Amino acid sequence: VVILCGRYEGIDERVNEMLCDREISIGDYVLSGGEL
């Protein structure tokens, strides 16, 4: 499993389209980044 940790406003959507199989959120709130 490869996990990309987003930061700031997020990542360039083209990376999501080209590389990622799924986009996951751990809850209905906003964190400073994907590390947690």
Full PDB file with SEQRES, HELIX, SHEET, SSBOND, CRYST1, ORIGX, SCALE, CONECT and MASTER records, all heavy atoms in Angstrom:
SEQRES   1 A   36  VAL VAL ILE LEU CYS GLY ARG TYR GLU GLY ILE ASP GLU          
SEQRES   2 A   36  ARG VAL ASN GLU MET LEU CYS ASP ARG GLU ILE SER ILE          
SEQRES   3 A   36  GLY ASP TYR VAL LEU SER GLY GLY GLU LEU                      
HELIX    1 AA1 GLU A   13  LEU A   19  1                                   7    
CRYST1    1.000    1.000    1.000  90.00  90.00  90.00 P 1           1          
ORIGX1      1.000000  0.000000  0.000000        0.00000                         
ORIGX2      0.000000  1.000000  0.000000        0.00000                         
ORIGX3      0.000000  0.000000  1.000000        0.00000                         
SCALE1      1.000000  0.000000  0.000000        0.00000                         
SCALE2      0.000000  1.000000  0.000000        0.00000                         
SCALE3      0.000000  0.000000  1.000000        0.00000                         
ATOM      1  N   VAL A   1       0.849  -1.183   0.000  1.00  0.00           N  
ATOM      2  CA  VAL A   1       0.000   0.000   0.000  1.00  0.00           C  
ATOM      3  C   VAL A   1       0.889   1.239   0.000  1.00  0.00           C  
ATOM      4  O   VAL A   1       1.729   1.400   0.893  1.00  0.00           O  
ATOM      5  CB  VAL A   1      -0.930   0.036   1.229  1.00  0.00           C  
ATOM      6  CG1 VAL A   1      -1.780   1.305   1.215  1.00  0.00           C  
ATOM      7  CG2 VAL A   1      -1.817  -1.200   1.277  1.00  0.00           C  
ATOM      8  N   VAL A   2       0.717   2.093  -0.995  1.00  0.00           N  
ATOM      9  CA  VAL A   2       1.420   3.376  -1.060  1.00  0.00           C  
ATOM     10  C   VAL A   2       0.437   4.458  -0.648  1.00  0.00           C  
ATOM     11  O   VAL A   2      -0.676   4.533  -1.171  1.00  0.00           O  
ATOM     12  CB  VAL A   2       1.964   3.659  -2.474  1.00  0.00           C  
ATOM     13  CG1 VAL A   2       2.619   5.045  -2.528  1.00  0.00           C  
ATOM     14  CG2 VAL A   2       2.960   2.581  -2.882  1.00  0.00           C  
ATOM     15  N   ILE A   3       0.840   5.290   0.303  1.00  0.00           N  
ATOM     16  CA  ILE A   3      -0.040   6.341   0.817  1.00  0.00           C  
ATOM     17  C   ILE A   3       0.589   7.706   0.539  1.00  0.00           C  
ATOM     18  O   ILE A   3       1.730   7.962   0.931  1.00  0.00           O  
ATOM     19  CB  ILE A   3      -0.273   6.180   2.331  1.00  0.00           C  
ATOM     20  CG1 ILE A   3      -0.938   4.822   2.623  1.00  0.00           C  
ATOM     21  CG2 ILE A   3      -1.137   7.313   2.867  1.00  0.00           C  
ATOM     22  CD1 ILE A   3      -1.150   4.556   4.099  1.00  0.00           C  
ATOM     23  N   LEU A   4      -0.164   8.575  -0.124  1.00  0.00           N  
ATOM     24  CA  LEU A   4       0.275   9.940  -0.396  1.00  0.00           C  
ATOM     25  C   LEU A   4      -0.372  10.867   0.620  1.00  0.00           C  
ATOM     26  O   LEU A   4      -1.600  10.955   0.702  1.00  0.00           O  
ATOM     27  CB  LEU A   4      -0.127  10.379  -1.807  1.00  0.00           C  
ATOM     28  CG  LEU A   4       0.270   9.464  -2.973  1.00  0.00           C  
ATOM     29  CD1 LEU A   4      -0.163  10.089  -4.291  1.00  0.00           C  
ATOM     30  CD2 LEU A   4       1.768   9.209  -2.970  1.00  0.00           C  
ATOM     31  N   CYS A   5       0.443  11.552   1.388  1.00  0.00           N  
ATOM     32  CA  CYS A   5      -0.065  12.475   2.407  1.00  0.00           C  
ATOM     33  C   CYS A   5      -0.222  13.866   1.805  1.00  0.00           C  
ATOM     34  O   CYS A   5       0.766  14.524   1.476  1.00  0.00           O  
ATOM     35  CB  CYS A   5       0.895  12.535   3.594  1.00  0.00           C  
ATOM     36  SG  CYS A   5       1.075  10.977   4.477  1.00  0.00           S  
ATOM     37  N   GLY A   6      -1.460  14.302   1.680  1.00  0.00           N  
ATOM     38  CA  GLY A   6      -1.705  15.643   1.180  1.00  0.00           C  
ATOM     39  C   GLY A   6      -1.286  16.703   2.186  1.00  0.00           C  
ATOM     40  O   GLY A   6      -1.160  16.441   3.382  1.00  0.00           O  
ATOM     41  N   ARG A   7      -1.078  17.904   1.710  1.00  0.00           N  
ATOM     42  CA  ARG A   7      -0.730  19.062   2.559  1.00  0.00           C  
ATOM     43  C   ARG A   7      -1.282  20.317   1.914  1.00  0.00           C  
ATOM     44  O   ARG A   7      -1.650  20.321   0.733  1.00  0.00           O  
ATOM     45  CB  ARG A   7       0.787  19.199   2.718  1.00  0.00           C  
ATOM     46  CG  ARG A   7       1.356  18.396   3.871  1.00  0.00           C  
ATOM     47  CD  ARG A   7       1.225  19.144   5.181  1.00  0.00           C  
ATOM     48  NE  ARG A   7       1.278  18.236   6.333  1.00  0.00           N  
ATOM     49  CZ  ARG A   7       1.181  18.631   7.588  1.00  0.00           C  
ATOM     50  NH1 ARG A   7       1.011  19.912   7.860  1.00  0.00           N  
ATOM     51  NH2 ARG A   7       1.220  17.769   8.573  1.00  0.00           N  
ATOM     52  N   TYR A   8      -1.303  21.394   2.689  1.00  0.00           N  
ATOM     53  CA  TYR A   8      -1.760  22.687   2.199  1.00  0.00           C  
ATOM     54  C   TYR A   8      -3.193  22.567   1.664  1.00  0.00           C  
ATOM     55  O   TYR A   8      -4.057  22.017   2.318  1.00  0.00           O  
ATOM     56  CB  TYR A   8      -0.790  23.244   1.158  1.00  0.00           C  
ATOM     57  CG  TYR A   8       0.656  23.151   1.576  1.00  0.00           C  
ATOM     58  CD1 TYR A   8       1.599  22.458   0.818  1.00  0.00           C  
ATOM     59  CD2 TYR A   8       1.076  23.721   2.785  1.00  0.00           C  
ATOM     60  CE1 TYR A   8       2.925  22.368   1.220  1.00  0.00           C  
ATOM     61  CE2 TYR A   8       2.401  23.632   3.199  1.00  0.00           C  
ATOM     62  CZ  TYR A   8       3.321  22.944   2.412  1.00  0.00           C  
ATOM     63  OH  TYR A   8       4.611  22.840   2.824  1.00  0.00           O  
ATOM     64  N   GLU A   9      -3.445  23.057   0.427  1.00  0.00           N  
ATOM     65  CA  GLU A   9      -4.774  22.956  -0.162  1.00  0.00           C  
ATOM     66  C   GLU A   9      -5.006  21.617  -0.848  1.00  0.00           C  
ATOM     67  O   GLU A   9      -6.090  21.361  -1.379  1.00  0.00           O  
ATOM     68  CB  GLU A   9      -4.998  24.088  -1.165  1.00  0.00           C  
ATOM     69  CG  GLU A   9      -5.067  25.468  -0.535  1.00  0.00           C  
ATOM     70  CD  GLU A   9      -6.190  25.565   0.482  1.00  0.00           C  
ATOM     71  OE1 GLU A   9      -7.339  25.231   0.138  1.00  0.00           O  
ATOM     72  OE2 GLU A   9      -5.906  25.955   1.636  1.00  0.00           O  
ATOM     73  N   GLY A  10      -3.973  20.771  -0.868  1.00  0.00           N  
ATOM     74  CA  GLY A  10      -4.093  19.469  -1.507  1.00  0.00           C  
ATOM     75  C   GLY A  10      -2.989  19.260  -2.522  1.00  0.00           C  
ATOM     76  O   GLY A  10      -1.972  19.953  -2.509  1.00  0.00           O  
ATOM     77  N   ILE A  11      -3.182  18.266  -3.408  1.00  0.00           N  
ATOM     78  CA  ILE A  11      -2.187  17.993  -4.436  1.00  0.00           C  
ATOM     79  C   ILE A  11      -2.776  18.306  -5.808  1.00  0.00           C  
ATOM     80  O   ILE A  11      -3.992  18.392  -5.980  1.00  0.00           O  
ATOM     81  CB  ILE A  11      -1.721  16.522  -4.403  1.00  0.00           C  
ATOM     82  CG1 ILE A  11      -2.830  15.598  -4.949  1.00  0.00           C  
ATOM     83  CG2 ILE A  11      -1.311  16.104  -3.005  1.00  0.00           C  
ATOM     84  CD1 ILE A  11      -2.344  14.205  -5.238  1.00  0.00           C  
ATOM     85  N   ASP A  12      -1.907  18.461  -6.774  1.00  0.00           N  
ATOM     86  CA  ASP A  12      -2.339  18.667  -8.149  1.00  0.00           C  
ATOM     87  C   ASP A  12      -3.205  17.474  -8.566  1.00  0.00           C  
ATOM     88  O   ASP A  12      -2.798  16.319  -8.456  1.00  0.00           O  
ATOM     89  CB  ASP A  12      -1.104  18.779  -9.053  1.00  0.00           C  
ATOM     90  CG  ASP A  12      -1.435  19.217 -10.464  1.00  0.00           C  
ATOM     91  OD1 ASP A  12      -2.184  18.475 -11.134  1.00  0.00           O  
ATOM     92  OD2 ASP A  12      -0.946  20.270 -10.914  1.00  0.00           O  
ATOM     93  N   GLU A  13      -4.422  17.753  -9.031  1.00  0.00           N  
ATOM     94  CA  GLU A  13      -5.389  16.695  -9.327  1.00  0.00           C  
ATOM     95  C   GLU A  13      -4.890  15.725 -10.390  1.00  0.00           C  
ATOM     96  O   GLU A  13      -5.307  14.562 -10.438  1.00  0.00           O  
ATOM     97  CB  GLU A  13      -6.718  17.306  -9.763  1.00  0.00           C  
ATOM     98  CG  GLU A  13      -7.839  16.316 -10.005  1.00  0.00           C  
ATOM     99  CD  GLU A  13      -8.252  15.557  -8.745  1.00  0.00           C  
ATOM    100  OE1 GLU A  13      -7.947  16.038  -7.621  1.00  0.00           O  
ATOM    101  OE2 GLU A  13      -8.875  14.483  -8.883  1.00  0.00           O  
ATOM    102  N   ARG A  14      -3.969  16.151 -11.224  1.00  0.00           N  
ATOM    103  CA  ARG A  14      -3.467  15.261 -12.264  1.00  0.00           C  
ATOM    104  C   ARG A  14      -2.720  14.071 -11.673  1.00  0.00           C  
ATOM    105  O   ARG A  14      -2.729  12.967 -12.230  1.00  0.00           O  
ATOM    106  CB  ARG A  14      -2.571  16.045 -13.232  1.00  0.00           C  
ATOM    107  CG  ARG A  14      -3.352  17.033 -14.100  1.00  0.00           C  
ATOM    108  CD  ARG A  14      -2.446  17.990 -14.826  1.00  0.00           C  
ATOM    109  NE  ARG A  14      -1.771  18.902 -13.900  1.00  0.00           N  
ATOM    110  CZ  ARG A  14      -0.998  19.920 -14.284  1.00  0.00           C  
ATOM    111  NH1 ARG A  14      -0.809  20.148 -15.585  1.00  0.00           N  
ATOM    112  NH2 ARG A  14      -0.428  20.708 -13.396  1.00  0.00           N  
ATOM    113  N   VAL A  15      -2.074  14.286 -10.521  1.00  0.00           N  
ATOM    114  CA  VAL A  15      -1.395  13.188  -9.839  1.00  0.00           C  
ATOM    115  C   VAL A  15      -2.420  12.164  -9.361  1.00  0.00           C  
ATOM    116  O   VAL A  15      -2.221  10.949  -9.475  1.00  0.00           O  
ATOM    117  CB  VAL A  15      -0.566  13.710  -8.650  1.00  0.00           C  
ATOM    118  CG1 VAL A  15       0.016  12.553  -7.855  1.00  0.00           C  
ATOM    119  CG2 VAL A  15       0.536  14.623  -9.142  1.00  0.00           C  
ATOM    120  N   ASN A  16      -3.515  12.657  -8.825  1.00  0.00           N  
ATOM    121  CA  ASN A  16      -4.581  11.767  -8.388  1.00  0.00           C  
ATOM    122  C   ASN A  16      -5.090  10.924  -9.553  1.00  0.00           C  
ATOM    123  O   ASN A  16      -5.248   9.704  -9.448  1.00  0.00           O  
ATOM    124  CB  ASN A  16      -5.722  12.601  -7.791  1.00  0.00           C  
ATOM    125  CG  ASN A  16      -6.815  11.753  -7.160  1.00  0.00           C  
ATOM    126  OD1 ASN A  16      -6.650  10.568  -6.903  1.00  0.00           O  
ATOM    127  ND2 ASN A  16      -7.950  12.380  -6.896  1.00  0.00           N  
ATOM    128  N   GLU A  17      -5.340  11.564 -10.676  1.00  0.00           N  
ATOM    129  CA  GLU A  17      -5.878  10.863 -11.841  1.00  0.00           C  
ATOM    130  C   GLU A  17      -4.884   9.866 -12.425  1.00  0.00           C  
ATOM    131  O   GLU A  17      -5.262   8.769 -12.850  1.00  0.00           O  
ATOM    132  CB  GLU A  17      -6.280  11.875 -12.908  1.00  0.00           C  
ATOM    133  CG  GLU A  17      -7.419  12.800 -12.483  1.00  0.00           C  
ATOM    134  CD  GLU A  17      -7.655  13.925 -13.471  1.00  0.00           C  
ATOM    135  OE1 GLU A  17      -6.850  14.037 -14.436  1.00  0.00           O  
ATOM    136  OE2 GLU A  17      -8.615  14.696 -13.285  1.00  0.00           O  
ATOM    137  N   MET A  18      -3.603  10.222 -12.438  1.00  0.00           N  
ATOM    138  CA  MET A  18      -2.597   9.386 -13.074  1.00  0.00           C  
ATOM    139  C   MET A  18      -2.113   8.239 -12.206  1.00  0.00           C  
ATOM    140  O   MET A  18      -1.816   7.147 -12.708  1.00  0.00           O  
ATOM    141  CB  MET A  18      -1.399  10.249 -13.482  1.00  0.00           C  
ATOM    142  CG  MET A  18      -1.693  11.290 -14.541  1.00  0.00           C  
ATOM    143  SD  MET A  18      -0.312  12.444 -14.769  1.00  0.00           S  
ATOM    144  CE  MET A  18       0.962  11.333 -15.377  1.00  0.00           C  
ATOM    145  N   LEU A  19      -2.043   8.464 -10.883  1.00  0.00           N  
ATOM    146  CA  LEU A  19      -1.344   7.513 -10.025  1.00  0.00           C  
ATOM    147  C   LEU A  19      -2.216   6.791  -9.007  1.00  0.00           C  
ATOM    148  O   LEU A  19      -1.894   5.674  -8.597  1.00  0.00           O  
ATOM    149  CB  LEU A  19      -0.217   8.235  -9.269  1.00  0.00           C  
ATOM    150  CG  LEU A  19       0.887   8.873 -10.098  1.00  0.00           C  
ATOM    151  CD1 LEU A  19       1.850   9.615  -9.176  1.00  0.00           C  
ATOM    152  CD2 LEU A  19       1.629   7.816 -10.908  1.00  0.00           C  
ATOM    153  N   CYS A  20      -3.298   7.417  -8.565  1.00  0.00           N  
ATOM    154  CA  CYS A  20      -4.001   6.905  -7.381  1.00  0.00           C  
ATOM    155  C   CYS A  20      -5.174   6.002  -7.755  1.00  0.00           C  
ATOM    156  O   CYS A  20      -5.882   6.237  -8.728  1.00  0.00           O  
ATOM    157  CB  CYS A  20      -4.501   8.066  -6.523  1.00  0.00           C  
ATOM    158  SG  CYS A  20      -3.165   9.133  -5.945  1.00  0.00           S  
ATOM    159  N   ASP A  21      -5.369   4.977  -6.953  1.00  0.00           N  
ATOM    160  CA  ASP A  21      -6.480   4.052  -7.137  1.00  0.00           C  
ATOM    161  C   ASP A  21      -7.718   4.502  -6.375  1.00  0.00           C  
ATOM    162  O   ASP A  21      -8.842   4.185  -6.764  1.00  0.00           O  
ATOM    163  CB  ASP A  21      -6.083   2.651  -6.662  1.00  0.00           C  
ATOM    164  CG  ASP A  21      -4.886   2.121  -7.419  1.00  0.00           C  
ATOM    165  OD1 ASP A  21      -4.963   2.036  -8.657  1.00  0.00           O  
ATOM    166  OD2 ASP A  21      -3.856   1.808  -6.785  1.00  0.00           O  
ATOM    167  N   ARG A  22      -7.499   5.203  -5.268  1.00  0.00           N  
ATOM    168  CA  ARG A  22      -8.626   5.690  -4.481  1.00  0.00           C  
ATOM    169  C   ARG A  22      -8.194   6.880  -3.643  1.00  0.00           C  
ATOM    170  O   ARG A  22      -7.008   7.069  -3.367  1.00  0.00           O  
ATOM    171  CB  ARG A  22      -9.194   4.595  -3.588  1.00  0.00           C  
ATOM    172  CG  ARG A  22      -8.219   4.057  -2.553  1.00  0.00           C  
ATOM    173  CD  ARG A  22      -8.912   3.069  -1.618  1.00  0.00           C  
ATOM    174  NE  ARG A  22      -9.293   1.852  -2.295  1.00  0.00           N  
ATOM    175  CZ  ARG A  22     -10.023   0.892  -1.741  1.00  0.00           C  
ATOM    176  NH1 ARG A  22     -10.484   1.049  -0.508  1.00  0.00           N  
ATOM    177  NH2 ARG A  22     -10.311  -0.207  -2.388  1.00  0.00           N  
ATOM    178  N   GLU A  23      -9.180   7.661  -3.258  1.00  0.00           N  
ATOM    179  CA  GLU A  23      -8.984   8.853  -2.434  1.00  0.00           C  
ATOM    180  C   GLU A  23      -9.757   8.627  -1.143  1.00  0.00           C  
ATOM    181  O   GLU A  23     -10.949   8.306  -1.169  1.00  0.00           O  
ATOM    182  CB  GLU A  23      -9.526  10.066  -3.183  1.00  0.00           C  
ATOM    183  CG  GLU A  23      -9.128  11.412  -2.633  1.00  0.00           C  
ATOM    184  CD  GLU A  23      -9.572  12.541  -3.554  1.00  0.00           C  
ATOM    185  OE1 GLU A  23     -10.127  12.253  -4.632  1.00  0.00           O  
ATOM    186  OE2 GLU A  23      -9.368  13.711  -3.178  1.00  0.00           O  
ATOM    187  N   ILE A  24      -9.085   8.753  -0.002  1.00  0.00           N  
ATOM    188  CA  ILE A  24      -9.689   8.380   1.278  1.00  0.00           C  
ATOM    189  C   ILE A  24      -9.620   9.537   2.260  1.00  0.00           C  
ATOM    190  O   ILE A  24      -8.618  10.259   2.341  1.00  0.00           O  
ATOM    191  CB  ILE A  24      -8.971   7.150   1.879  1.00  0.00           C  
ATOM    192  CG1 ILE A  24      -9.246   5.911   1.017  1.00  0.00           C  
ATOM    193  CG2 ILE A  24      -9.407   6.887   3.310  1.00  0.00           C  
ATOM    194  CD1 ILE A  24      -8.520   4.669   1.502  1.00  0.00           C  
ATOM    195  N   SER A  25     -10.691   9.680   3.039  1.00  0.00           N  
ATOM    196  CA  SER A  25     -10.748  10.624   4.159  1.00  0.00           C  
ATOM    197  C   SER A  25     -11.059   9.828   5.425  1.00  0.00           C  
ATOM    198  O   SER A  25     -11.843   8.882   5.394  1.00  0.00           O  
ATOM    199  CB  SER A  25     -11.851  11.660   3.917  1.00  0.00           C  
ATOM    200  OG  SER A  25     -12.142  12.376   5.096  1.00  0.00           O  
ATOM    201  N   ILE A  26     -10.460  10.200   6.548  1.00  0.00           N  
ATOM    202  CA  ILE A  26     -10.758   9.484   7.788  1.00  0.00           C  
ATOM    203  C   ILE A  26     -11.885  10.146   8.582  1.00  0.00           C  
ATOM    204  O   ILE A  26     -12.225   9.681   9.670  1.00  0.00           O  
ATOM    205  CB  ILE A  26      -9.508   9.330   8.684  1.00  0.00           C  
ATOM    206  CG1 ILE A  26      -8.989  10.686   9.154  1.00  0.00           C  
ATOM    207  CG2 ILE A  26      -8.430   8.531   7.976  1.00  0.00           C  
ATOM    208  CD1 ILE A  26      -7.982  10.585  10.295  1.00  0.00           C  
ATOM    209  N   GLY A  27     -12.489  11.194   8.050  1.00  0.00           N  
ATOM    210  CA  GLY A  27     -13.596  11.813   8.774  1.00  0.00           C  
ATOM    211  C   GLY A  27     -14.006  13.133   8.172  1.00  0.00           C  
ATOM    212  O   GLY A  27     -13.279  13.723   7.361  1.00  0.00           O  
ATOM    213  N   ASP A  28     -15.161  13.612   8.580  1.00  0.00           N  
ATOM    214  CA  ASP A  28     -15.692  14.871   8.055  1.00  0.00           C  
ATOM    215  C   ASP A  28     -15.130  16.053   8.819  1.00  0.00           C  
ATOM    216  O   ASP A  28     -15.842  16.775   9.534  1.00  0.00           O  
ATOM    217  CB  ASP A  28     -17.218  14.861   8.120  1.00  0.00           C  
ATOM    218  CG  ASP A  28     -17.835  13.839   7.185  1.00  0.00           C  
ATOM    219  OD1 ASP A  28     -17.136  13.414   6.240  1.00  0.00           O  
ATOM    220  OD2 ASP A  28     -18.997  13.463   7.397  1.00  0.00           O  
ATOM    221  N   TYR A  29     -13.843  16.238   8.678  1.00  0.00           N  
ATOM    222  CA  TYR A  29     -13.139  17.373   9.268  1.00  0.00           C  
ATOM    223  C   TYR A  29     -11.851  17.548   8.485  1.00  0.00           C  
ATOM    224  O   TYR A  29     -11.467  16.679   7.691  1.00  0.00           O  
ATOM    225  CB  TYR A  29     -12.834  17.138  10.759  1.00  0.00           C  
ATOM    226  CG  TYR A  29     -12.302  15.763  11.054  1.00  0.00           C  
ATOM    227  CD1 TYR A  29     -10.944  15.472  10.922  1.00  0.00           C  
ATOM    228  CD2 TYR A  29     -13.150  14.745  11.467  1.00  0.00           C  
ATOM    229  CE1 TYR A  29     -10.450  14.214  11.189  1.00  0.00           C  
ATOM    230  CE2 TYR A  29     -12.668  13.480  11.738  1.00  0.00           C  
ATOM    231  CZ  TYR A  29     -11.321  13.213  11.598  1.00  0.00           C  
ATOM    232  OH  TYR A  29     -10.828  11.960  11.852  1.00  0.00           O  
ATOM    233  N   VAL A  30     -11.179  18.671   8.681  1.00  0.00           N  
ATOM    234  CA  VAL A  30      -9.967  18.971   7.911  1.00  0.00           C  
ATOM    235  C   VAL A  30      -8.753  18.947   8.831  1.00  0.00           C  
ATOM    236  O   VAL A  30      -8.751  19.599   9.884  1.00  0.00           O  
ATOM    237  CB  VAL A  30     -10.087  20.349   7.221  1.00  0.00           C  
ATOM    238  CG1 VAL A  30      -8.803  20.673   6.456  1.00  0.00           C  
ATOM    239  CG2 VAL A  30     -11.293  20.378   6.288  1.00  0.00           C  
ATOM    240  N   LEU A  31      -7.749  18.176   8.435  1.00  0.00           N  
ATOM    241  CA  LEU A  31      -6.478  18.128   9.154  1.00  0.00           C  
ATOM    242  C   LEU A  31      -5.456  19.004   8.449  1.00  0.00           C  
ATOM    243  O   LEU A  31      -5.632  19.383   7.291  1.00  0.00           O  
ATOM    244  CB  LEU A  31      -5.964  16.684   9.217  1.00  0.00           C  
ATOM    245  CG  LEU A  31      -6.850  15.675   9.952  1.00  0.00           C  
ATOM    246  CD1 LEU A  31      -6.325  14.262   9.726  1.00  0.00           C  
ATOM    247  CD2 LEU A  31      -6.892  15.995  11.441  1.00  0.00           C  
ATOM    248  N   SER A  32      -4.361  19.290   9.140  1.00  0.00           N  
ATOM    249  CA  SER A  32      -3.293  20.081   8.532  1.00  0.00           C  
ATOM    250  C   SER A  32      -2.584  19.314   7.427  1.00  0.00           C  
ATOM    251  O   SER A  32      -1.979  19.902   6.537  1.00  0.00           O  
ATOM    252  CB  SER A  32      -2.279  20.509   9.598  1.00  0.00           C  
ATOM    253  OG  SER A  32      -2.901  21.311  10.585  1.00  0.00           O  
ATOM    254  N   GLY A  33      -2.651  18.001   7.502  1.00  0.00           N  
ATOM    255  CA  GLY A  33      -2.011  17.171   6.489  1.00  0.00           C  
ATOM    256  C   GLY A  33      -2.431  15.727   6.651  1.00  0.00           C  
ATOM    257  O   GLY A  33      -3.137  15.359   7.591  1.00  0.00           O  
ATOM    258  N   GLY A  34      -1.969  14.878   5.731  1.00  0.00           N  
ATOM    259  CA  GLY A  34      -2.386  13.489   5.725  1.00  0.00           C  
ATOM    260  C   GLY A  34      -1.618  12.573   6.648  1.00  0.00           C  
ATOM    261  O   GLY A  34      -1.935  11.377   6.723  1.00  0.00           O  
ATOM    262  N   GLU A  35      -0.624  13.104   7.361  1.00  0.00           N  
ATOM    263  CA  GLU A  35       0.217  12.230   8.182  1.00  0.00           C  
ATOM    264  C   GLU A  35      -0.573  11.537   9.295  1.00  0.00           C  
ATOM    265  O   GLU A  35      -0.424  10.330   9.528  1.00  0.00           O  
ATOM    266  CB  GLU A  35       1.379  13.030   8.769  1.00  0.00           C  
ATOM    267  CG  GLU A  35       2.466  13.377   7.766  1.00  0.00           C  
ATOM    268  CD  GLU A  35       2.077  14.485   6.796  1.00  0.00           C  
ATOM    269  OE1 GLU A  35       1.118  15.241   7.101  1.00  0.00           O  
ATOM    270  OE2 GLU A  35       2.700  14.601   5.725  1.00  0.00           O  
ATOM    271  N   LEU A  36      -1.392  12.297  10.010  1.00  0.00           N  
ATOM    272  CA  LEU A  36      -2.211  11.682  11.057  1.00  0.00           C  
ATOM    273  C   LEU A  36      -3.141  10.631  10.466  1.00  0.00           C  
ATOM    274  O   LEU A  36      -3.322   9.547  11.034  1.00  0.00           O  
ATOM    275  CB  LEU A  36      -3.020  12.752  11.792  1.00  0.00           C  
ATOM    276  CG  LEU A  36      -2.274  13.570  12.857  1.00  0.00           C  
ATOM    277  CD1 LEU A  36      -3.123  14.767  13.263  1.00  0.00           C  
ATOM    278  CD2 LEU A  36      -1.964  12.713  14.069  1.00  0.00           C  
TER     279      LEU A  36                                                      
MASTER        0    0    0    1    0    0    0    6  278    1    0    3          
END                                                                             
